[in-house]
N, C-alpha and C. Protein backbone atom coordinates (compact mmCIF):
# COMPACT_ATOMS: atom_id res chain seq x y z
N ARG A 1 18.06 32.53 5.89
CA ARG A 1 16.75 33.10 6.55
C ARG A 1 16.27 31.86 7.45
N ARG A 2 15.40 32.13 8.36
CA ARG A 2 14.81 31.42 9.57
C ARG A 2 13.18 31.28 8.94
N GLU A 3 12.44 30.37 8.64
CA GLU A 3 10.86 30.52 8.78
C GLU A 3 10.42 30.36 9.81
N LEU A 4 9.38 31.35 9.70
CA LEU A 4 8.63 31.41 10.83
C LEU A 4 7.38 30.76 10.77
N THR A 5 6.78 29.59 11.89
CA THR A 5 5.87 29.00 11.67
C THR A 5 5.47 29.39 13.17
N MET A 6 3.67 28.70 13.25
CA MET A 6 3.03 28.83 14.57
C MET A 6 2.22 27.24 14.43
N GLU A 7 2.04 27.06 15.41
CA GLU A 7 1.06 25.73 15.56
C GLU A 7 -0.05 26.22 16.46
N VAL A 8 -1.34 25.46 15.45
CA VAL A 8 -2.65 25.99 16.23
C VAL A 8 -3.31 24.66 16.10
N HIS A 9 -4.09 24.97 17.61
CA HIS A 9 -4.67 23.77 18.28
C HIS A 9 -6.53 24.04 17.67
N PHE A 10 -7.18 22.81 17.56
CA PHE A 10 -8.96 23.32 17.04
C PHE A 10 -9.64 22.13 18.05
N ILE A 11 -9.79 22.28 19.53
CA ILE A 11 -10.28 21.54 20.27
C ILE A 11 -12.00 21.92 20.17
N GLY A 12 -12.84 20.85 20.09
CA GLY A 12 -14.17 20.95 20.35
C GLY A 12 -14.98 19.96 19.85
N GLU A 13 -16.40 19.73 19.59
CA GLU A 13 -16.86 18.85 19.30
C GLU A 13 -18.16 19.13 17.94
N VAL A 14 -18.45 18.23 17.29
CA VAL A 14 -19.85 18.84 16.70
C VAL A 14 -21.06 17.83 17.44
N TYR A 15 -21.57 19.16 17.65
CA TYR A 15 -22.43 18.70 19.20
C TYR A 15 -23.74 17.66 18.93
N GLY A 16 -24.53 18.38 17.79
CA GLY A 16 -25.50 17.66 17.34
C GLY A 16 -26.68 18.61 16.39
N ALA A 17 -27.89 18.49 16.30
CA ALA A 17 -28.80 19.36 15.09
C ALA A 17 -30.10 19.03 15.49
N ARG A 18 -30.78 19.93 15.12
CA ARG A 18 -32.46 19.96 15.14
C ARG A 18 -33.10 20.95 14.19
N GLY A 19 -34.30 20.59 13.88
CA GLY A 19 -34.53 21.12 13.02
C GLY A 19 -34.84 20.58 11.58
N PHE A 20 -34.70 19.42 11.87
CA PHE A 20 -34.83 18.43 10.74
C PHE A 20 -36.34 17.72 9.96
N PRO A 21 -36.90 17.96 9.03
CA PRO A 21 -37.79 16.46 9.24
C PRO A 21 -37.96 15.39 9.20
N ASP A 22 -36.57 14.57 9.35
CA ASP A 22 -36.23 13.32 9.64
C ASP A 22 -35.71 12.90 10.98
N THR A 23 -35.56 12.25 11.44
CA THR A 23 -34.86 11.79 12.41
C THR A 23 -33.56 10.60 12.33
N SER A 24 -33.35 9.79 12.91
CA SER A 24 -32.21 8.73 12.42
C SER A 24 -30.91 9.60 11.87
N LEU A 25 -30.35 10.91 12.55
CA LEU A 25 -30.01 11.93 11.81
C LEU A 25 -28.12 11.19 12.48
N PHE A 26 -26.83 10.91 11.66
CA PHE A 26 -25.79 11.70 11.45
C PHE A 26 -25.01 12.50 10.63
N CYS A 27 -23.77 13.01 10.79
CA CYS A 27 -22.61 13.45 10.46
C CYS A 27 -21.85 13.43 9.74
N LYS A 28 -21.20 13.51 8.70
CA LYS A 28 -19.80 13.67 8.53
C LYS A 28 -19.38 15.08 8.45
N TRP A 29 -17.96 15.32 8.94
CA TRP A 29 -17.72 16.59 9.48
C TRP A 29 -16.17 16.40 8.32
N GLU A 30 -15.41 17.42 8.02
CA GLU A 30 -14.19 17.80 7.46
C GLU A 30 -13.22 18.87 7.75
N ILE A 31 -12.22 18.85 8.25
CA ILE A 31 -11.57 20.19 7.90
C ILE A 31 -10.43 20.35 7.15
N VAL A 32 -11.20 21.36 6.59
CA VAL A 32 -10.07 21.38 4.78
C VAL A 32 -9.25 23.17 5.49
N ALA A 33 -8.21 22.42 5.07
CA ALA A 33 -6.92 23.60 5.31
C ALA A 33 -6.30 24.40 3.83
N GLY A 34 -6.33 25.09 3.67
CA GLY A 34 -5.24 25.67 2.40
C GLY A 34 -3.68 25.35 2.34
N ASP A 35 -2.80 25.64 1.71
CA ASP A 35 -1.33 25.46 1.01
C ASP A 35 -0.92 26.49 2.11
N GLY A 36 0.22 25.88 3.41
CA GLY A 36 1.01 26.19 4.13
C GLY A 36 0.42 25.39 5.85
N TRP A 37 -0.79 24.96 5.68
CA TRP A 37 -1.41 24.66 6.98
C TRP A 37 -0.73 22.68 6.19
N THR A 38 0.13 22.29 7.68
CA THR A 38 0.37 20.93 7.45
C THR A 38 -0.48 20.40 9.34
N LEU A 39 -1.22 19.00 8.82
CA LEU A 39 -1.92 18.36 10.01
C LEU A 39 -0.86 17.90 10.84
N LEU A 40 -0.42 18.06 12.13
CA LEU A 40 -0.08 16.90 13.26
C LEU A 40 0.07 16.22 13.77
N GLU A 41 -1.12 16.45 14.45
CA GLU A 41 -1.68 15.78 14.78
C GLU A 41 -3.24 15.59 14.77
N GLY A 42 -3.91 14.51 14.94
CA GLY A 42 -5.72 14.17 15.11
C GLY A 42 -6.04 13.91 13.69
N VAL A 43 -7.32 13.61 13.68
CA VAL A 43 -8.11 13.05 12.61
C VAL A 43 -8.55 14.27 11.17
N ARG A 44 -8.53 14.78 10.30
CA ARG A 44 -8.87 15.25 9.58
C ARG A 44 -10.59 15.95 9.15
N GLU A 45 -10.88 14.18 9.16
CA GLU A 45 -12.55 13.61 9.10
C GLU A 45 -12.79 12.72 9.64
N GLY A 46 -14.43 13.03 10.08
CA GLY A 46 -15.35 11.59 10.22
C GLY A 46 -16.08 11.73 10.29
N GLN A 47 -16.81 10.63 11.30
CA GLN A 47 -18.30 10.46 10.96
C GLN A 47 -18.93 10.66 12.62
N THR A 48 -19.86 11.26 12.70
CA THR A 48 -20.54 10.89 14.33
C THR A 48 -21.37 9.69 14.16
N GLN A 49 -21.77 9.39 15.10
CA GLN A 49 -22.76 8.01 15.45
C GLN A 49 -24.34 8.52 14.93
N VAL A 50 -25.34 7.56 14.27
CA VAL A 50 -26.75 7.79 14.53
C VAL A 50 -27.21 7.88 15.28
N ASP A 51 -28.09 9.27 15.49
CA ASP A 51 -28.82 9.23 17.00
C ASP A 51 -30.62 9.10 16.35
N THR A 52 -31.33 8.62 17.38
CA THR A 52 -32.62 8.76 16.87
C THR A 52 -33.64 9.11 17.64
N PRO A 53 -33.52 10.61 17.78
CA PRO A 53 -34.14 11.00 19.16
C PRO A 53 -35.77 10.88 19.05
N ILE A 54 -36.68 11.27 20.20
CA ILE A 54 -37.84 11.16 20.24
C ILE A 54 -37.89 12.26 18.97
N GLU A 55 -38.87 12.34 18.39
CA GLU A 55 -39.63 13.64 16.58
C GLU A 55 -39.79 15.03 17.95
N GLY A 56 -38.73 15.72 17.01
CA GLY A 56 -38.81 17.16 17.81
C GLY A 56 -37.55 17.28 18.33
N GLU A 57 -37.26 16.62 19.34
CA GLU A 57 -35.97 16.85 19.86
C GLU A 57 -34.32 16.64 18.97
N THR A 58 -33.67 17.41 19.86
CA THR A 58 -31.83 17.62 18.87
C THR A 58 -31.77 16.17 19.01
N SER A 59 -31.08 15.86 17.65
CA SER A 59 -30.36 14.61 17.67
C SER A 59 -28.50 15.51 18.35
N VAL A 60 -28.18 14.41 19.25
CA VAL A 60 -27.20 14.78 19.96
C VAL A 60 -25.96 13.72 19.86
N TRP A 61 -24.47 14.02 18.85
CA TRP A 61 -23.27 13.15 18.65
C TRP A 61 -22.63 13.39 19.85
N CYS A 62 -22.60 15.00 19.89
CA CYS A 62 -21.03 15.14 21.15
C CYS A 62 -19.68 14.90 20.48
N HIS A 63 -19.49 14.44 19.34
CA HIS A 63 -18.89 14.18 18.76
C HIS A 63 -17.56 14.83 19.24
N PRO A 64 -16.07 14.10 19.30
CA PRO A 64 -15.02 15.44 19.77
C PRO A 64 -14.13 15.24 18.35
N VAL A 65 -13.67 16.29 18.23
CA VAL A 65 -12.96 17.43 17.45
C VAL A 65 -11.52 17.75 18.11
N ASP A 66 -10.82 17.11 17.43
CA ASP A 66 -9.21 17.63 18.18
C ASP A 66 -7.65 17.37 17.61
N VAL A 67 -7.52 18.73 17.19
CA VAL A 67 -6.37 18.40 15.92
C VAL A 67 -5.46 19.42 16.23
N HIS A 68 -4.41 19.20 15.62
CA HIS A 68 -3.46 19.97 15.54
C HIS A 68 -2.30 20.63 13.96
N TYR A 69 -2.56 21.84 13.75
CA TYR A 69 -1.84 22.09 12.91
C TYR A 69 -0.45 23.08 13.12
N LYS A 70 0.82 22.93 11.87
CA LYS A 70 1.35 23.88 11.79
C LYS A 70 1.12 24.88 10.56
N ALA A 71 1.56 26.02 10.46
CA ALA A 71 1.27 27.00 9.75
C ALA A 71 2.28 28.15 9.28
N ILE A 72 2.38 28.07 8.39
CA ILE A 72 3.54 28.97 7.79
C ILE A 72 2.82 30.38 7.19
N THR A 73 1.45 30.37 7.40
CA THR A 73 0.92 31.34 6.85
C THR A 73 -0.76 31.83 7.70
N VAL A 74 -1.14 32.74 8.01
CA VAL A 74 -2.63 32.87 8.58
C VAL A 74 -3.67 32.79 6.90
N ALA A 75 -3.12 32.87 5.89
CA ALA A 75 -4.37 32.91 4.75
C ALA A 75 -4.43 31.03 4.65
N ASN A 76 -5.39 31.40 3.99
CA ASN A 76 -6.40 29.68 3.97
C ASN A 76 -6.59 29.09 5.46
N TRP A 77 -7.00 29.81 6.19
CA TRP A 77 -6.93 29.23 7.63
C TRP A 77 -8.06 28.27 7.66
N PRO A 78 -8.01 27.01 7.85
CA PRO A 78 -9.20 25.72 7.98
C PRO A 78 -10.44 26.20 8.05
N LYS A 79 -11.22 25.59 7.07
CA LYS A 79 -13.12 25.44 7.09
C LYS A 79 -13.46 23.92 7.85
N LEU A 80 -14.38 24.24 8.57
CA LEU A 80 -15.58 23.26 9.30
C LEU A 80 -16.36 22.82 7.99
N LYS A 81 -16.23 21.48 7.20
CA LYS A 81 -17.26 21.20 6.00
C LYS A 81 -17.90 19.99 6.91
N LEU A 82 -19.06 20.49 6.37
CA LEU A 82 -20.19 19.45 7.80
C LEU A 82 -21.46 18.81 6.56
N SER A 83 -21.82 17.82 6.68
CA SER A 83 -23.08 17.18 5.78
C SER A 83 -23.62 16.41 6.86
N VAL A 84 -24.81 16.70 6.74
CA VAL A 84 -25.96 15.87 7.50
C VAL A 84 -26.74 14.97 6.80
N TRP A 85 -26.86 14.08 7.31
CA TRP A 85 -27.28 12.97 6.65
C TRP A 85 -28.44 11.81 7.63
N HIS A 86 -29.81 11.54 7.22
CA HIS A 86 -30.37 10.64 7.32
C HIS A 86 -30.50 9.18 7.34
N ARG A 87 -30.61 8.14 7.65
CA ARG A 87 -30.26 6.87 7.54
C ARG A 87 -31.97 6.38 7.74
N ASP A 88 -32.60 5.52 6.31
CA ASP A 88 -33.77 5.31 6.75
C ASP A 88 -33.50 3.71 7.26
N SER A 89 -35.10 3.47 7.34
CA SER A 89 -35.53 2.08 7.78
C SER A 89 -34.71 0.47 7.76
N PHE A 90 -34.25 1.12 5.68
CA PHE A 90 -33.52 -0.12 5.22
C PHE A 90 -32.19 0.34 5.26
N GLY A 91 -31.82 1.12 5.97
CA GLY A 91 -30.24 1.38 6.21
C GLY A 91 -29.40 2.37 5.37
N ARG A 92 -30.47 2.89 4.39
CA ARG A 92 -29.82 3.49 3.19
C ARG A 92 -29.66 5.23 3.28
N ASN A 93 -28.55 5.70 3.20
CA ASN A 93 -28.51 7.05 4.02
C ASN A 93 -28.51 7.98 2.95
N GLU A 94 -29.26 9.70 3.42
CA GLU A 94 -30.11 10.22 2.34
C GLU A 94 -28.84 11.65 2.94
N LEU A 95 -28.32 12.41 2.01
CA LEU A 95 -27.61 13.22 2.29
C LEU A 95 -29.41 14.27 3.10
N CYS A 96 -29.25 15.34 3.74
CA CYS A 96 -30.03 16.02 4.13
C CYS A 96 -29.75 17.42 3.83
N THR A 97 -28.25 17.52 4.21
CA THR A 97 -27.72 18.90 3.83
C THR A 97 -26.02 18.87 4.36
N LEU A 98 -25.80 20.23 3.54
CA LEU A 98 -24.36 20.64 3.52
C LEU A 98 -24.04 21.93 4.02
N GLY A 99 -23.07 22.63 5.08
CA GLY A 99 -22.70 23.27 5.40
C GLY A 99 -21.04 23.61 5.56
N LEU A 100 -20.38 25.06 5.46
CA LEU A 100 -19.05 25.49 5.68
C LEU A 100 -18.95 25.96 6.32
N LEU A 101 -18.18 26.10 7.81
CA LEU A 101 -17.77 27.20 8.42
C LEU A 101 -16.61 27.68 8.19
N TRP A 102 -16.61 29.01 7.69
CA TRP A 102 -15.51 29.63 7.70
C TRP A 102 -14.57 29.69 8.45
N SER A 103 -14.83 29.78 10.07
CA SER A 103 -13.84 30.05 10.71
C SER A 103 -13.89 28.90 11.96
N LEU A 104 -12.75 28.45 12.16
CA LEU A 104 -13.21 27.67 13.21
C LEU A 104 -13.37 27.94 15.03
N LEU A 105 -12.87 29.37 15.09
CA LEU A 105 -13.22 30.12 16.07
C LEU A 105 -14.42 30.49 16.68
N VAL A 106 -15.25 29.65 16.43
CA VAL A 106 -16.42 29.95 17.62
C VAL A 106 -16.42 29.26 18.45
N ARG A 107 -17.98 29.99 19.39
CA ARG A 107 -17.85 29.19 20.57
C ARG A 107 -19.50 28.44 20.78
């Protein structure tokens, strides 16, 4: 019996953040895929640069995400885990918030 597989590409970007009380923000991201999903190309996790916009403006990262998976099931669809961090004037990093995006099919 032949095993059925599919290939899925996720292409996009971690654009930015706003509404935080601090500036000097950056984002750590990770794609979490369940059993039956194999990463073929791209990186599973990354970190943006620190952006320090004028107070009240959006921190813009425009960090690319481009991954290619092989899957044998539609169960355990990949999720995007995000954490936004603040870097203080002493270079220390402080976690601001965590998020989990259940579907990577958003626009």
